[in-house]
Amino acid sequence: MPPGYMPPQQQQQKKRWPYVLLGLVGGVVLIIVALSVCFGVALKKGVEKAEEVGLINTETRHARIGEPVKCGNNLELVVYGTKEYTDPSGFSTPKEGFYFLVLELSLENKGKEKEAFSSLMESSVKDKDGFSYDITYVSVEPSLKEGDIMPGEKSRGFIAYQVKKGAEGLRLEVDPLLGDTAIVELGR
């Protein structure tokens, strides 16, 4: 036999391995696609069910100052007014080019179960240009109660945001983890 000669049977076996490997890879890809489709269908059904029972954001509701608006699952939000704040003690001062915007608001639990609220995690003031301003801590009393609001309970107080001077089209956005989002036009 000449050097490097391979019987025809071994040549065929050598040529088959790429096809076997390709078949295995194709099979694994098909299994992954099938599992992804099943997972996607199950996830879609889960999201639909969560929306039905109010566990995730189902609607965005709009209001103006003085108008009640639903947010979360069973909270009713009312913004009574806004004002600029200057700390008489001089202890709290806004950054250069900003001012403190104080909102007086209330949250009332109209449901039968407690509702959690965190102004730090669930609220911001936004302007018409899309800039978002987070809550800031200044000494304006009484401050809005944070945490659980029991059924029938109403929490009323002040919260403040550090907002850029000259910002227009300000609105408060309360976006709870569970339930509806509320947007209140602040008229500034």
N, C-alpha and C. Protein backbone atom coordinates (compact mmCIF):
# COMPACT_ATOMS: atom_id res chain seq x y z
N MET A 1 0.83 -1.17 0.00
CA MET A 1 0.00 0.00 0.00
C MET A 1 0.88 1.25 0.00
N PRO A 2 0.49 2.22 -0.82
CA PRO A 2 1.29 3.44 -0.87
C PRO A 2 1.13 4.23 0.44
N PRO A 3 2.17 5.04 0.77
CA PRO A 3 2.08 5.83 2.00
C PRO A 3 0.90 6.82 1.90
N GLY A 4 0.18 7.03 3.02
CA GLY A 4 -0.97 7.93 3.08
C GLY A 4 -2.24 7.33 2.52
N TYR A 5 -2.18 6.07 2.04
CA TYR A 5 -3.38 5.44 1.51
C TYR A 5 -4.34 5.11 2.63
N MET A 6 -5.63 5.38 2.39
CA MET A 6 -6.66 5.07 3.37
C MET A 6 -7.73 4.26 2.66
N PRO A 7 -8.13 3.13 3.26
CA PRO A 7 -9.17 2.34 2.63
C PRO A 7 -10.44 3.17 2.49
N PRO A 8 -11.29 2.90 1.48
CA PRO A 8 -12.51 3.68 1.24
C PRO A 8 -13.43 3.74 2.44
N GLN A 9 -13.48 2.71 3.23
CA GLN A 9 -14.35 2.70 4.42
C GLN A 9 -13.90 3.77 5.41
N GLN A 10 -12.60 3.92 5.66
CA GLN A 10 -12.09 4.93 6.58
C GLN A 10 -12.29 6.33 6.01
N GLN A 11 -12.17 6.48 4.67
CA GLN A 11 -12.37 7.79 4.06
C GLN A 11 -13.81 8.27 4.29
N GLN A 12 -14.77 7.37 4.14
CA GLN A 12 -16.18 7.75 4.35
C GLN A 12 -16.42 8.13 5.80
N GLN A 13 -15.82 7.39 6.75
CA GLN A 13 -16.00 7.71 8.16
C GLN A 13 -15.40 9.08 8.46
N LYS A 14 -14.26 9.40 7.86
CA LYS A 14 -13.61 10.67 8.09
C LYS A 14 -14.46 11.82 7.55
N LYS A 15 -15.16 11.63 6.43
CA LYS A 15 -15.98 12.67 5.82
C LYS A 15 -17.31 12.87 6.55
N ARG A 16 -17.77 11.89 7.32
CA ARG A 16 -19.06 11.99 8.00
C ARG A 16 -19.03 12.87 9.25
N TRP A 17 -17.95 13.01 9.93
CA TRP A 17 -17.94 13.71 11.22
C TRP A 17 -18.39 15.16 11.13
N PRO A 18 -18.07 15.95 10.05
CA PRO A 18 -18.60 17.32 10.03
C PRO A 18 -20.12 17.36 9.96
N TYR A 19 -20.72 16.40 9.28
CA TYR A 19 -22.18 16.36 9.18
C TYR A 19 -22.82 15.97 10.50
N VAL A 20 -22.18 15.07 11.21
CA VAL A 20 -22.68 14.68 12.53
C VAL A 20 -22.61 15.87 13.47
N LEU A 21 -21.48 16.58 13.45
CA LEU A 21 -21.31 17.76 14.30
C LEU A 21 -22.33 18.83 13.93
N LEU A 22 -22.52 19.08 12.64
CA LEU A 22 -23.50 20.05 12.19
C LEU A 22 -24.91 19.67 12.63
N GLY A 23 -25.23 18.40 12.57
CA GLY A 23 -26.54 17.92 13.03
C GLY A 23 -26.74 18.15 14.52
N LEU A 24 -25.70 17.89 15.31
CA LEU A 24 -25.79 18.11 16.76
C LEU A 24 -25.99 19.59 17.08
N VAL A 25 -25.20 20.45 16.44
CA VAL A 25 -25.33 21.89 16.68
C VAL A 25 -26.71 22.37 16.26
N GLY A 26 -27.19 21.92 15.10
CA GLY A 26 -28.53 22.29 14.64
C GLY A 26 -29.61 21.85 15.61
N GLY A 27 -29.47 20.64 16.14
CA GLY A 27 -30.43 20.14 17.12
C GLY A 27 -30.45 20.97 18.38
N VAL A 28 -29.27 21.36 18.87
CA VAL A 28 -29.18 22.18 20.08
C VAL A 28 -29.82 23.55 19.82
N VAL A 29 -29.56 24.13 18.64
CA VAL A 29 -30.16 25.43 18.30
C VAL A 29 -31.68 25.32 18.25
N LEU A 30 -32.20 24.26 17.66
CA LEU A 30 -33.65 24.07 17.61
C LEU A 30 -34.25 23.94 19.00
N ILE A 31 -33.59 23.23 19.87
CA ILE A 31 -34.07 23.08 21.26
C ILE A 31 -34.08 24.44 21.95
N ILE A 32 -33.03 25.23 21.77
CA ILE A 32 -32.96 26.56 22.40
C ILE A 32 -34.08 27.46 21.86
N VAL A 33 -34.32 27.43 20.55
CA VAL A 33 -35.39 28.24 19.96
C VAL A 33 -36.75 27.81 20.51
N ALA A 34 -36.98 26.50 20.58
CA ALA A 34 -38.25 26.00 21.09
C ALA A 34 -38.46 26.42 22.54
N LEU A 35 -37.42 26.32 23.37
CA LEU A 35 -37.53 26.73 24.77
C LEU A 35 -37.76 28.24 24.88
N SER A 36 -37.11 29.02 24.03
CA SER A 36 -37.30 30.47 24.04
C SER A 36 -38.73 30.85 23.69
N VAL A 37 -39.29 30.19 22.70
CA VAL A 37 -40.68 30.46 22.31
C VAL A 37 -41.62 30.11 23.46
N CYS A 38 -41.40 28.95 24.07
CA CYS A 38 -42.25 28.55 25.20
C CYS A 38 -42.13 29.54 26.35
N PHE A 39 -40.90 29.95 26.67
CA PHE A 39 -40.67 30.91 27.74
C PHE A 39 -41.33 32.24 27.41
N GLY A 40 -41.22 32.71 26.16
CA GLY A 40 -41.83 33.97 25.74
C GLY A 40 -43.34 33.95 25.87
N VAL A 41 -43.96 32.85 25.48
CA VAL A 41 -45.42 32.71 25.59
C VAL A 41 -45.83 32.74 27.07
N ALA A 42 -45.09 31.99 27.89
CA ALA A 42 -45.40 31.96 29.33
C ALA A 42 -45.20 33.33 29.96
N LEU A 43 -44.15 34.04 29.57
CA LEU A 43 -43.89 35.37 30.11
C LEU A 43 -45.01 36.34 29.71
N LYS A 44 -45.43 36.28 28.45
CA LYS A 44 -46.51 37.16 27.97
C LYS A 44 -47.79 36.91 28.76
N LYS A 45 -48.12 35.64 28.98
CA LYS A 45 -49.33 35.32 29.75
C LYS A 45 -49.19 35.81 31.19
N GLY A 46 -47.99 35.68 31.75
CA GLY A 46 -47.76 36.16 33.12
C GLY A 46 -47.91 37.66 33.24
N VAL A 47 -47.39 38.40 32.26
CA VAL A 47 -47.52 39.86 32.27
C VAL A 47 -48.98 40.26 32.12
N GLU A 48 -49.71 39.59 31.23
CA GLU A 48 -51.13 39.90 31.06
C GLU A 48 -51.89 39.66 32.36
N LYS A 49 -51.60 38.57 33.04
CA LYS A 49 -52.28 38.25 34.31
C LYS A 49 -51.92 39.30 35.37
N ALA A 50 -50.64 39.71 35.43
CA ALA A 50 -50.21 40.72 36.40
C ALA A 50 -50.89 42.06 36.12
N GLU A 51 -51.09 42.40 34.85
CA GLU A 51 -51.80 43.63 34.51
C GLU A 51 -53.27 43.55 34.95
N GLU A 52 -53.88 42.38 34.74
CA GLU A 52 -55.29 42.19 35.12
C GLU A 52 -55.51 42.44 36.60
N VAL A 53 -54.61 41.94 37.43
CA VAL A 53 -54.78 42.07 38.88
C VAL A 53 -54.11 43.33 39.43
N GLY A 54 -53.53 44.17 38.53
CA GLY A 54 -52.98 45.45 38.96
C GLY A 54 -51.61 45.37 39.60
N LEU A 55 -50.85 44.33 39.31
CA LEU A 55 -49.53 44.22 39.91
C LEU A 55 -48.46 45.01 39.18
N ILE A 56 -48.68 45.36 37.94
CA ILE A 56 -47.72 46.17 37.22
C ILE A 56 -48.44 47.35 36.59
N ASN A 57 -47.64 48.32 36.15
CA ASN A 57 -48.20 49.53 35.57
C ASN A 57 -49.15 49.18 34.45
N THR A 58 -50.37 49.59 34.59
CA THR A 58 -51.37 49.31 33.57
C THR A 58 -51.80 50.58 32.84
N GLU A 59 -51.72 51.72 33.50
CA GLU A 59 -52.15 52.98 32.89
C GLU A 59 -51.29 54.13 33.39
N THR A 60 -51.24 55.18 32.59
CA THR A 60 -50.65 56.44 33.03
C THR A 60 -51.80 57.44 33.07
N ARG A 61 -51.99 58.04 34.24
CA ARG A 61 -53.11 58.96 34.44
C ARG A 61 -52.56 60.39 34.61
N HIS A 62 -53.31 61.36 34.12
CA HIS A 62 -52.88 62.76 34.15
C HIS A 62 -53.83 63.60 34.99
N ALA A 63 -53.25 64.63 35.64
CA ALA A 63 -54.05 65.56 36.44
C ALA A 63 -53.34 66.91 36.49
N ARG A 64 -54.03 67.86 37.09
CA ARG A 64 -53.47 69.20 37.34
C ARG A 64 -53.51 69.45 38.83
N ILE A 65 -52.91 70.54 39.22
CA ILE A 65 -52.89 70.90 40.64
C ILE A 65 -54.33 70.97 41.15
N GLY A 66 -54.56 70.33 42.29
CA GLY A 66 -55.87 70.33 42.93
C GLY A 66 -56.77 69.18 42.51
N GLU A 67 -56.42 68.45 41.44
CA GLU A 67 -57.24 67.33 40.97
C GLU A 67 -56.72 66.01 41.52
N PRO A 68 -57.60 65.17 42.06
CA PRO A 68 -57.16 63.85 42.51
C PRO A 68 -56.86 62.95 41.31
N VAL A 69 -55.84 62.10 41.45
CA VAL A 69 -55.48 61.17 40.40
C VAL A 69 -55.03 59.86 41.04
N LYS A 70 -55.47 58.75 40.45
CA LYS A 70 -55.12 57.43 40.98
C LYS A 70 -53.67 57.10 40.60
N CYS A 71 -52.96 56.51 41.55
CA CYS A 71 -51.63 55.98 41.26
C CYS A 71 -51.42 54.74 42.11
N GLY A 72 -50.41 53.95 41.74
CA GLY A 72 -50.24 52.68 42.45
C GLY A 72 -51.45 51.81 42.19
N ASN A 73 -51.76 50.96 43.16
CA ASN A 73 -52.95 50.12 43.02
C ASN A 73 -54.19 50.82 43.53
N ASN A 74 -54.07 51.49 44.69
CA ASN A 74 -55.25 52.09 45.30
C ASN A 74 -54.98 53.45 45.94
N LEU A 75 -53.91 54.11 45.54
CA LEU A 75 -53.60 55.42 46.11
C LEU A 75 -54.25 56.53 45.28
N GLU A 76 -54.68 57.57 45.99
CA GLU A 76 -55.18 58.76 45.32
C GLU A 76 -54.23 59.90 45.67
N LEU A 77 -53.65 60.50 44.65
CA LEU A 77 -52.67 61.58 44.80
C LEU A 77 -53.34 62.91 44.50
N VAL A 78 -53.06 63.91 45.34
CA VAL A 78 -53.48 65.28 45.07
C VAL A 78 -52.29 66.19 45.34
N VAL A 79 -51.93 67.02 44.36
CA VAL A 79 -50.92 68.06 44.56
C VAL A 79 -51.69 69.35 44.79
N TYR A 80 -51.50 69.96 45.96
CA TYR A 80 -52.25 71.16 46.34
C TYR A 80 -51.61 72.44 45.83
N GLY A 81 -50.28 72.42 45.68
CA GLY A 81 -49.61 73.62 45.21
C GLY A 81 -48.10 73.45 45.23
N THR A 82 -47.42 74.47 44.69
CA THR A 82 -45.96 74.48 44.65
C THR A 82 -45.46 75.84 45.13
N LYS A 83 -44.23 75.86 45.59
CA LYS A 83 -43.60 77.14 45.95
C LYS A 83 -42.09 76.96 45.91
N GLU A 84 -41.40 78.07 45.72
CA GLU A 84 -39.95 78.05 45.81
C GLU A 84 -39.57 78.15 47.27
N TYR A 85 -38.52 77.48 47.65
CA TYR A 85 -38.13 77.44 49.06
C TYR A 85 -36.73 78.01 49.24
N THR A 86 -36.62 78.87 50.23
CA THR A 86 -35.33 79.37 50.67
C THR A 86 -35.21 79.07 52.15
N ASP A 87 -34.15 78.39 52.54
CA ASP A 87 -33.94 78.02 53.94
C ASP A 87 -33.57 79.28 54.72
N PRO A 88 -34.41 79.68 55.68
CA PRO A 88 -34.11 80.90 56.44
C PRO A 88 -32.81 80.80 57.23
N SER A 89 -32.41 79.59 57.59
CA SER A 89 -31.18 79.43 58.35
C SER A 89 -29.95 79.49 57.44
N GLY A 90 -30.16 79.34 56.13
CA GLY A 90 -29.04 79.33 55.20
C GLY A 90 -28.28 78.01 55.16
N PHE A 91 -28.77 77.03 55.92
CA PHE A 91 -28.10 75.73 55.99
C PHE A 91 -28.20 74.97 54.67
N SER A 92 -29.39 74.98 54.07
CA SER A 92 -29.61 74.29 52.79
C SER A 92 -29.65 75.31 51.67
N THR A 93 -28.74 75.19 50.73
CA THR A 93 -28.75 76.07 49.58
C THR A 93 -28.66 75.21 48.31
N PRO A 94 -29.41 75.58 47.28
CA PRO A 94 -29.34 74.80 46.04
C PRO A 94 -28.03 75.04 45.30
N LYS A 95 -27.72 74.14 44.38
CA LYS A 95 -26.54 74.31 43.53
C LYS A 95 -26.72 75.57 42.69
N GLU A 96 -25.60 76.10 42.21
CA GLU A 96 -25.62 77.28 41.35
C GLU A 96 -26.49 77.00 40.13
N GLY A 97 -27.44 77.89 39.84
CA GLY A 97 -28.32 77.75 38.69
C GLY A 97 -29.57 76.91 38.96
N PHE A 98 -29.78 76.53 40.22
CA PHE A 98 -30.93 75.71 40.59
C PHE A 98 -31.70 76.38 41.72
N TYR A 99 -32.91 75.89 41.99
CA TYR A 99 -33.69 76.34 43.13
C TYR A 99 -34.43 75.14 43.72
N PHE A 100 -34.92 75.30 44.95
CA PHE A 100 -35.71 74.26 45.59
C PHE A 100 -37.18 74.49 45.26
N LEU A 101 -37.82 73.49 44.65
CA LEU A 101 -39.25 73.52 44.37
C LEU A 101 -39.93 72.60 45.37
N VAL A 102 -40.83 73.17 46.17
CA VAL A 102 -41.53 72.41 47.20
C VAL A 102 -42.96 72.15 46.74
N LEU A 103 -43.39 70.91 46.88
CA LEU A 103 -44.75 70.52 46.53
C LEU A 103 -45.50 70.12 47.79
N GLU A 104 -46.72 70.61 47.93
CA GLU A 104 -47.61 70.13 49.00
C GLU A 104 -48.54 69.12 48.35
N LEU A 105 -48.55 67.92 48.91
CA LEU A 105 -49.39 66.87 48.32
C LEU A 105 -49.90 65.91 49.37
N SER A 106 -50.85 65.10 48.94
CA SER A 106 -51.37 64.05 49.81
C SER A 106 -51.51 62.76 49.02
N LEU A 107 -51.42 61.67 49.75
CA LEU A 107 -51.67 60.33 49.22
C LEU A 107 -52.67 59.66 50.15
N GLU A 108 -53.77 59.20 49.59
CA GLU A 108 -54.78 58.52 50.40
C GLU A 108 -54.97 57.11 49.87
N ASN A 109 -54.96 56.14 50.79
CA ASN A 109 -55.16 54.75 50.41
C ASN A 109 -56.66 54.47 50.36
N LYS A 110 -57.18 54.26 49.16
CA LYS A 110 -58.60 54.00 48.95
C LYS A 110 -58.91 52.50 48.92
N GLY A 111 -57.88 51.67 49.09
CA GLY A 111 -58.07 50.22 49.00
C GLY A 111 -58.26 49.55 50.34
N LYS A 112 -58.16 48.22 50.32
CA LYS A 112 -58.36 47.41 51.52
C LYS A 112 -57.06 46.80 52.03
N GLU A 113 -55.94 47.09 51.34
CA GLU A 113 -54.64 46.60 51.77
C GLU A 113 -53.68 47.77 51.84
N LYS A 114 -52.63 47.63 52.65
CA LYS A 114 -51.66 48.71 52.76
C LYS A 114 -50.95 48.92 51.43
N GLU A 115 -50.54 50.15 51.21
CA GLU A 115 -49.79 50.53 50.01
C GLU A 115 -48.49 51.18 50.47
N ALA A 116 -47.41 50.83 49.82
CA ALA A 116 -46.12 51.43 50.15
C ALA A 116 -45.85 52.60 49.21
N PHE A 117 -45.20 53.64 49.74
CA PHE A 117 -44.82 54.79 48.92
C PHE A 117 -43.46 55.29 49.35
N SER A 118 -42.60 55.54 48.37
CA SER A 118 -41.28 56.13 48.61
C SER A 118 -41.08 57.25 47.61
N SER A 119 -41.06 58.49 48.08
CA SER A 119 -40.87 59.61 47.16
C SER A 119 -39.49 59.54 46.51
N LEU A 120 -38.52 59.03 47.22
CA LEU A 120 -37.17 58.90 46.68
C LEU A 120 -37.12 57.91 45.52
N MET A 121 -37.79 56.78 45.66
CA MET A 121 -37.74 55.73 44.65
C MET A 121 -38.81 55.86 43.57
N GLU A 122 -39.93 56.52 43.88
CA GLU A 122 -41.08 56.46 42.99
C GLU A 122 -41.53 57.80 42.42
N SER A 123 -40.79 58.88 42.68
CA SER A 123 -41.24 60.17 42.17
C SER A 123 -40.08 60.98 41.63
N SER A 124 -40.41 61.85 40.68
CA SER A 124 -39.44 62.80 40.15
C SER A 124 -40.22 63.95 39.53
N VAL A 125 -39.54 65.08 39.36
CA VAL A 125 -40.10 66.20 38.62
C VAL A 125 -39.36 66.23 37.30
N LYS A 126 -40.12 66.38 36.21
CA LYS A 126 -39.51 66.45 34.88
C LYS A 126 -39.93 67.74 34.21
N ASP A 127 -39.08 68.20 33.28
CA ASP A 127 -39.42 69.41 32.54
C ASP A 127 -39.72 69.07 31.08
N LYS A 128 -40.13 70.08 30.32
CA LYS A 128 -40.54 69.84 28.93
C LYS A 128 -39.40 69.38 28.05
N ASP A 129 -38.16 69.62 28.47
CA ASP A 129 -37.00 69.19 27.69
C ASP A 129 -36.55 67.78 28.05
N GLY A 130 -37.26 67.12 28.98
CA GLY A 130 -36.95 65.74 29.33
C GLY A 130 -35.98 65.58 30.49
N PHE A 131 -35.53 66.70 31.09
CA PHE A 131 -34.65 66.59 32.24
C PHE A 131 -35.45 66.14 33.45
N SER A 132 -34.84 65.29 34.26
CA SER A 132 -35.50 64.73 35.44
C SER A 132 -34.78 65.23 36.69
N TYR A 133 -35.56 65.65 37.68
CA TYR A 133 -35.01 66.18 38.93
C TYR A 133 -35.47 65.29 40.08
N ASP A 134 -34.51 64.82 40.84
CA ASP A 134 -34.82 63.93 41.96
C ASP A 134 -35.13 64.73 43.21
N ILE A 135 -35.69 64.01 44.16
CA ILE A 135 -36.05 64.61 45.44
C ILE A 135 -34.79 65.09 46.16
N THR A 136 -34.95 66.15 46.92
CA THR A 136 -33.87 66.65 47.74
C THR A 136 -34.41 66.84 49.15
N TYR A 137 -33.54 66.83 50.10
CA TYR A 137 -34.00 66.94 51.49
C TYR A 137 -33.68 68.31 52.04
N VAL A 138 -34.75 69.07 52.26
CA VAL A 138 -34.68 70.37 52.93
C VAL A 138 -35.69 70.34 54.06
N SER A 139 -35.52 71.21 55.01
CA SER A 139 -36.36 71.20 56.20
C SER A 139 -37.65 71.98 55.99
N VAL A 140 -38.63 71.30 55.36
CA VAL A 140 -39.96 71.89 55.17
C VAL A 140 -40.92 70.98 55.92
N GLU A 141 -41.60 71.53 56.91
CA GLU A 141 -42.49 70.71 57.74
C GLU A 141 -43.95 71.09 57.51
N PRO A 142 -44.84 70.14 57.62
CA PRO A 142 -44.59 68.72 57.86
C PRO A 142 -44.20 68.02 56.56
N SER A 143 -43.23 67.12 56.66
CA SER A 143 -42.81 66.39 55.47
C SER A 143 -43.78 65.24 55.21
N LEU A 144 -43.83 64.80 53.97
CA LEU A 144 -44.72 63.72 53.59
C LEU A 144 -44.25 62.41 54.21
N LYS A 145 -45.17 61.67 54.80
CA LYS A 145 -44.85 60.38 55.42
C LYS A 145 -44.44 59.38 54.34
N GLU A 146 -43.36 58.68 54.59
CA GLU A 146 -42.86 57.65 53.68
C GLU A 146 -43.23 56.27 54.22
N GLY A 147 -43.24 55.28 53.34
CA GLY A 147 -43.49 53.90 53.77
C GLY A 147 -44.92 53.48 53.54
N ASP A 148 -45.40 52.62 54.43
CA ASP A 148 -46.74 52.05 54.28
C ASP A 148 -47.83 53.05 54.63
N ILE A 149 -48.85 53.06 53.78
CA ILE A 149 -50.06 53.85 54.03
C ILE A 149 -51.18 52.83 54.18
N MET A 150 -51.77 52.80 55.35
CA MET A 150 -52.78 51.79 55.66
C MET A 150 -54.11 52.12 54.98
N PRO A 151 -55.00 51.13 54.81
CA PRO A 151 -56.30 51.37 54.19
C PRO A 151 -57.06 52.50 54.89
N GLY A 152 -57.57 53.43 54.11
CA GLY A 152 -58.31 54.56 54.66
C GLY A 152 -57.44 55.68 55.18
N GLU A 153 -56.13 55.47 55.27
CA GLU A 153 -55.22 56.48 55.81
C GLU A 153 -54.83 57.48 54.72
N LYS A 154 -54.61 58.73 55.17
CA LYS A 154 -54.19 59.79 54.27
C LYS A 154 -52.89 60.38 54.81
N SER A 155 -51.91 60.52 53.94
CA SER A 155 -50.64 61.13 54.30
C SER A 155 -50.52 62.44 53.52
N ARG A 156 -50.32 63.55 54.26
CA ARG A 156 -50.21 64.86 53.61
C ARG A 156 -48.98 65.57 54.13
N GLY A 157 -48.26 66.22 53.23
CA GLY A 157 -47.07 66.93 53.64
C GLY A 157 -46.34 67.53 52.44
N PHE A 158 -45.07 67.89 52.66
CA PHE A 158 -44.27 68.56 51.65
C PHE A 158 -43.10 67.68 51.23
N ILE A 159 -42.77 67.77 49.93
CA ILE A 159 -41.53 67.18 49.42
C ILE A 159 -40.89 68.23 48.51
N ALA A 160 -39.56 68.14 48.37
CA ALA A 160 -38.84 69.16 47.61
C ALA A 160 -37.94 68.52 46.55
N TYR A 161 -37.75 69.27 45.48
CA TYR A 161 -36.88 68.86 44.38
C TYR A 161 -35.96 70.02 44.05
N GLN A 162 -34.74 69.73 43.66
CA GLN A 162 -33.80 70.75 43.22
C GLN A 162 -33.92 70.85 41.70
N VAL A 163 -34.45 71.99 41.22
CA VAL A 163 -34.82 72.15 39.81
C VAL A 163 -33.98 73.27 39.20
N LYS A 164 -33.64 73.09 37.93
CA LYS A 164 -32.86 74.08 37.20
C LYS A 164 -33.68 75.36 37.01
N LYS A 165 -33.07 76.52 37.27
CA LYS A 165 -33.75 77.80 37.05
C LYS A 165 -34.09 77.93 35.58
N GLY A 166 -35.30 78.42 35.30
CA GLY A 166 -35.74 78.60 33.92
C GLY A 166 -36.38 77.37 33.31
N ALA A 167 -36.37 76.24 34.02
CA ALA A 167 -37.00 75.03 33.49
C ALA A 167 -38.50 75.28 33.35
N GLU A 168 -39.08 74.81 32.25
CA GLU A 168 -40.50 75.03 31.98
C GLU A 168 -41.20 73.70 31.78
N GLY A 169 -42.54 73.77 31.87
CA GLY A 169 -43.34 72.57 31.64
C GLY A 169 -43.13 71.51 32.70
N LEU A 170 -42.99 71.94 33.95
CA LEU A 170 -42.70 71.00 35.04
C LEU A 170 -43.91 70.12 35.35
N ARG A 171 -43.63 68.86 35.63
CA ARG A 171 -44.67 67.91 36.01
C ARG A 171 -44.09 66.93 37.03
N LEU A 172 -44.92 66.54 37.97
CA LEU A 172 -44.57 65.52 38.94
C LEU A 172 -44.95 64.17 38.36
N GLU A 173 -44.03 63.23 38.38
CA GLU A 173 -44.33 61.87 37.93
C GLU A 173 -44.16 60.93 39.12
N VAL A 174 -45.24 60.25 39.47
CA VAL A 174 -45.21 59.24 40.52
C VAL A 174 -45.40 57.91 39.81
N ASP A 175 -44.34 57.09 39.85
CA ASP A 175 -44.31 55.84 39.10
C ASP A 175 -44.02 54.69 40.06
N PRO A 176 -45.05 54.19 40.75
CA PRO A 176 -44.86 53.10 41.70
C PRO A 176 -44.41 51.82 41.00
N LEU A 177 -43.73 50.98 41.74
CA LEU A 177 -43.30 49.69 41.22
C LEU A 177 -44.51 48.87 40.78
N LEU A 178 -45.58 48.95 41.55
CA LEU A 178 -46.80 48.21 41.24
C LEU A 178 -47.94 49.19 41.01
N GLY A 179 -48.70 48.99 39.96
CA GLY A 179 -49.89 49.81 39.72
C GLY A 179 -49.67 50.92 38.71
N ASP A 180 -50.59 51.88 38.73
CA ASP A 180 -50.64 52.95 37.74
C ASP A 180 -49.67 54.09 38.04
N THR A 181 -49.25 54.76 36.97
CA THR A 181 -48.40 55.95 37.06
C THR A 181 -49.29 57.18 37.03
N ALA A 182 -48.92 58.20 37.82
CA ALA A 182 -49.65 59.47 37.81
C ALA A 182 -48.70 60.58 37.39
N ILE A 183 -49.19 61.46 36.52
CA ILE A 183 -48.45 62.64 36.10
C ILE A 183 -49.31 63.84 36.41
N VAL A 184 -48.74 64.79 37.19
CA VAL A 184 -49.46 66.00 37.57
C VAL A 184 -48.72 67.20 36.98
N GLU A 185 -49.41 67.96 36.13
CA GLU A 185 -48.85 69.18 35.55
C GLU A 185 -48.77 70.23 36.65
N LEU A 186 -47.57 70.82 36.83
CA LEU A 186 -47.36 71.74 37.96
C LEU A 186 -47.57 73.20 37.58
N GLY A 187 -47.83 73.50 36.31
CA GLY A 187 -48.14 74.87 35.92
C GLY A 187 -46.96 75.81 36.03
N ARG A 188 -45.76 75.31 35.93
CA ARG A 188 -44.56 76.16 35.96
C ARG A 188 -43.77 75.98 34.70
